[in-house]
Amino acid sequence: MTKDIKKIVLTGGPCAGKTTALVKVIEHFSSLGYKVFTIPEIPTLFSQAGMNYLTPNKDLFYQGEKATLELQLAFEDKFMRMAEECEEPTVIVCDRGVMDISAYMTPEMWEQITSELGVTTAQLRDHRYDAVLHLVSAADGAEQFYTTSTNSTRYEQMNEEGLRQARLLDKKVINAWTGHSHLRVINNHEDFDKKI
């Protein structure tokens, strides 16, 4: 018997509405009778535990990014095993996925980390998830709604430079996922509810 398990990534740039969308996705699938597991945003866990992703210490940054990827993979794999034991259809929703991690480092560093872990970009991007939903940052087209107050671990500032950085990160994340067969980029609309 084939289990009905879907794994979805909810991703996007800074201040894109991921937290709000996550609640809506959980409510939607739960109302349809699915068991819903959510994988938390692993870099946020690391930041809350003391990791500074802006550290000038290159070795610390490398080890932090490698550990972030390792924990992301471990969380996803453990919850997939749990999902296999569920009787009801199951959805695993990842608050960001493995390719998001690649957007915050050089391609060379990503290649080195994935090589050490024995995985490839194609394996990680194309074969781990059924769908990737990218919510575009409010910094790109909905600037009046961009804020840093909703996420205490956000590094971008609430000024023009912060908006520029948020737009750049948003594009890097989209590029990291480009190639996934079910990538959907959800742009900003005048009405946030329409976006969600």
Protein backbone atom coordinates (compact mmCIF):
# COMPACT_ATOMS: atom_id res chain seq x y z
CA MET A 1 0.00 0.00 0.00
CA THR A 2 1.39 3.40 -0.98
CA LYS A 3 1.13 6.00 1.75
CA ASP A 4 -0.44 9.35 0.86
CA ILE A 5 2.34 11.65 2.08
CA LYS A 6 3.07 15.06 0.60
CA LYS A 7 5.95 17.32 1.56
CA ILE A 8 5.60 21.02 0.81
CA VAL A 9 8.07 23.85 1.31
CA LEU A 10 6.73 27.25 2.27
CA THR A 11 9.46 29.73 1.53
CA GLY A 12 9.99 33.33 0.54
CA GLY A 13 11.93 36.45 1.14
CA PRO A 14 11.97 38.49 4.34
CA CYS A 15 8.53 39.69 5.45
CA ALA A 16 6.70 37.67 2.80
CA GLY A 17 3.90 36.36 5.00
CA LYS A 18 5.23 32.84 5.56
CA THR A 19 4.06 32.63 9.17
CA THR A 20 0.52 33.70 8.26
CA ALA A 21 0.47 31.38 5.25
CA LEU A 22 1.70 28.48 7.38
CA VAL A 23 -1.31 28.83 9.68
CA LYS A 24 -3.66 28.88 6.65
CA VAL A 25 -2.02 25.81 5.09
CA ILE A 26 -2.27 23.87 8.37
CA GLU A 27 -5.94 24.84 8.77
CA HIS A 28 -6.73 23.92 5.15
CA PHE A 29 -5.21 20.45 5.17
CA SER A 30 -6.42 19.67 8.69
CA SER A 31 -9.99 20.48 7.62
CA LEU A 32 -9.62 17.94 4.79
CA GLY A 33 -8.68 15.19 7.25
CA TYR A 34 -4.91 15.26 6.80
CA LYS A 35 -2.42 14.81 9.61
CA VAL A 36 -0.19 17.87 9.30
CA PHE A 37 3.40 17.99 10.53
CA THR A 38 5.33 21.26 10.40
CA ILE A 39 9.10 21.49 10.26
CA PRO A 40 10.24 24.74 11.92
CA GLU A 41 12.58 27.19 10.25
CA ILE A 42 15.93 25.67 11.25
CA PRO A 43 18.08 28.83 10.79
CA THR A 44 15.76 30.60 13.25
CA LEU A 45 16.37 27.83 15.80
CA PHE A 46 20.11 28.30 15.33
CA SER A 47 19.84 32.10 15.65
CA GLN A 48 17.80 31.76 18.83
CA ALA A 49 20.46 29.37 20.17
CA GLY A 50 23.22 31.94 19.60
CA MET A 51 24.41 31.41 16.02
CA ASN A 52 25.21 34.69 14.29
CA TYR A 53 25.00 34.12 10.55
CA LEU A 54 26.68 37.51 10.01
CA THR A 55 29.81 36.45 11.91
CA PRO A 56 33.10 37.50 10.31
CA ASN A 57 34.54 34.15 11.50
CA LYS A 58 34.49 32.15 8.25
CA ASP A 59 35.11 28.81 9.96
CA LEU A 60 32.27 29.38 12.42
CA PHE A 61 29.99 30.45 9.55
CA TYR A 62 30.89 27.33 7.58
CA GLN A 63 30.28 25.00 10.52
CA GLY A 64 27.03 26.80 11.34
CA GLU A 65 25.72 26.49 7.79
CA LYS A 66 26.76 22.84 7.58
CA ALA A 67 25.04 22.11 10.90
CA THR A 68 21.94 23.98 9.71
CA LEU A 69 21.73 21.79 6.60
CA GLU A 70 22.37 18.61 8.60
CA LEU A 71 19.61 19.43 11.08
CA GLN A 72 17.18 20.43 8.29
CA LEU A 73 17.76 17.07 6.60
CA ALA A 74 17.45 15.18 9.90
CA PHE A 75 14.20 16.90 10.90
CA GLU A 76 12.66 16.24 7.50
CA ASP A 77 13.78 12.60 7.44
CA LYS A 78 12.51 11.89 10.98
CA PHE A 79 9.12 13.44 10.27
CA MET A 80 8.87 11.50 7.00
CA ARG A 81 9.38 8.28 8.97
CA MET A 82 6.67 9.35 11.42
CA ALA A 83 4.34 10.20 8.52
CA GLU A 84 4.81 6.69 7.15
CA GLU A 85 3.19 5.37 10.34
CA CYS A 86 0.11 7.59 10.15
CA GLU A 87 -3.15 6.00 9.11
CA GLU A 88 -4.58 9.19 7.61
CA PRO A 89 -3.13 11.03 4.61
CA THR A 90 -0.27 13.23 5.75
CA VAL A 91 1.24 16.56 4.77
CA ILE A 92 4.64 17.72 5.96
CA VAL A 93 4.97 21.49 5.66
CA CYS A 94 8.51 22.82 5.88
CA ASP A 95 8.98 26.42 7.01
CA ARG A 96 11.73 26.84 4.43
CA GLY A 97 13.60 23.90 2.95
CA VAL A 98 17.14 22.80 2.24
CA MET A 99 17.66 25.00 -0.81
CA ASP A 100 16.91 28.14 1.21
CA ILE A 101 20.14 27.47 3.08
CA SER A 102 22.14 27.66 -0.16
CA ALA A 103 20.91 31.20 -0.83
CA TYR A 104 22.88 32.55 2.12
CA MET A 105 26.35 31.42 1.05
CA THR A 106 28.60 31.30 -1.98
CA PRO A 107 28.01 28.55 -4.55
CA GLU A 108 31.50 27.24 -3.74
CA MET A 109 30.71 26.87 -0.05
CA TRP A 110 27.39 25.17 -0.85
CA GLU A 111 29.19 22.73 -3.16
CA GLN A 112 31.76 21.96 -0.45
CA ILE A 113 29.11 21.37 2.23
CA THR A 114 26.89 19.19 0.03
CA SER A 115 29.93 17.23 -1.13
CA GLU A 116 30.94 16.57 2.50
CA LEU A 117 27.39 15.39 3.23
CA GLY A 118 27.31 13.16 0.14
CA VAL A 119 24.35 14.87 -1.53
CA THR A 120 23.88 16.98 -4.66
CA THR A 121 21.89 20.11 -5.36
CA ALA A 122 19.71 18.18 -7.82
CA GLN A 123 18.89 15.55 -5.17
CA LEU A 124 18.04 18.17 -2.59
CA ARG A 125 16.07 20.51 -4.86
CA ASP A 126 14.33 18.12 -7.23
CA HIS A 127 13.55 14.98 -5.24
CA ARG A 128 12.77 15.85 -1.59
CA TYR A 129 9.60 17.92 -2.00
CA ASP A 130 6.31 17.61 -3.84
CA ALA A 131 5.84 21.38 -4.11
CA VAL A 132 7.64 24.62 -3.28
CA LEU A 133 5.54 27.72 -2.61
CA HIS A 134 7.61 30.91 -2.64
CA LEU A 135 5.95 34.01 -1.21
CA VAL A 136 7.60 37.15 -2.56
CA SER A 137 8.93 39.57 0.07
CA ALA A 138 6.84 42.61 0.89
CA ALA A 139 10.03 44.53 0.05
CA ASP A 140 9.24 43.80 -3.61
CA GLY A 141 5.96 45.43 -4.57
CA ALA A 142 4.32 45.87 -1.16
CA GLU A 143 6.91 48.07 0.55
CA GLN A 144 4.28 49.78 2.72
CA PHE A 145 3.79 46.43 4.48
CA TYR A 146 7.48 45.60 4.94
CA THR A 147 8.48 45.46 8.59
CA THR A 148 11.25 43.98 10.69
CA SER A 149 9.18 43.97 13.89
CA THR A 150 7.52 40.60 13.19
CA ASN A 151 10.75 38.60 13.36
CA SER A 152 13.30 39.31 16.08
CA THR A 153 15.97 37.25 14.29
CA ARG A 154 15.72 39.20 11.02
CA TYR A 155 19.03 40.79 10.01
CA GLU A 156 17.68 43.25 7.44
CA GLN A 157 17.12 46.82 8.61
CA MET A 158 13.94 48.87 8.24
CA ASN A 159 15.33 51.35 5.70
CA GLU A 160 16.12 51.57 1.97
CA GLU A 161 19.22 49.40 2.37
CA GLY A 162 17.16 46.82 4.26
CA LEU A 163 14.58 46.80 1.46
CA ARG A 164 17.35 46.33 -1.10
CA GLN A 165 18.84 43.44 0.90
CA ALA A 166 15.41 41.83 1.31
CA ARG A 167 14.77 42.02 -2.46
CA LEU A 168 18.19 40.53 -3.16
CA LEU A 169 17.63 37.66 -0.70
CA ASP A 170 14.20 37.04 -2.19
CA LYS A 171 15.70 36.64 -5.66
CA LYS A 172 18.49 34.40 -4.33
CA VAL A 173 15.93 32.10 -2.71
CA ILE A 174 13.88 31.93 -5.94
CA ASN A 175 17.07 31.13 -7.87
CA ALA A 176 17.98 28.41 -5.38
CA TRP A 177 14.65 26.65 -6.02
CA THR A 178 14.54 27.28 -9.77
CA GLY A 179 14.49 23.89 -11.46
CA HIS A 180 12.00 22.28 -9.08
CA SER A 181 9.11 21.01 -11.19
CA HIS A 182 6.44 22.37 -8.86
CA LEU A 183 7.89 25.74 -7.83
CA ARG A 184 5.18 28.38 -7.55
CA VAL A 185 6.18 32.01 -7.01
CA ILE A 186 3.34 33.94 -5.38
CA ASN A 187 3.70 37.66 -6.02
CA ASN A 188 2.38 40.48 -3.89
CA HIS A 189 -1.15 41.73 -4.43
CA GLU A 190 -2.88 44.78 -3.06
CA ASP A 191 -4.83 42.46 -0.78
CA PHE A 192 -2.69 40.19 1.42
CA ASP A 193 -5.55 37.67 1.71
CA LYS A 194 -5.43 37.19 -2.08
CA LYS A 195 -1.72 36.48 -1.82
CA ILE A 196 -2.38 33.80 0.77
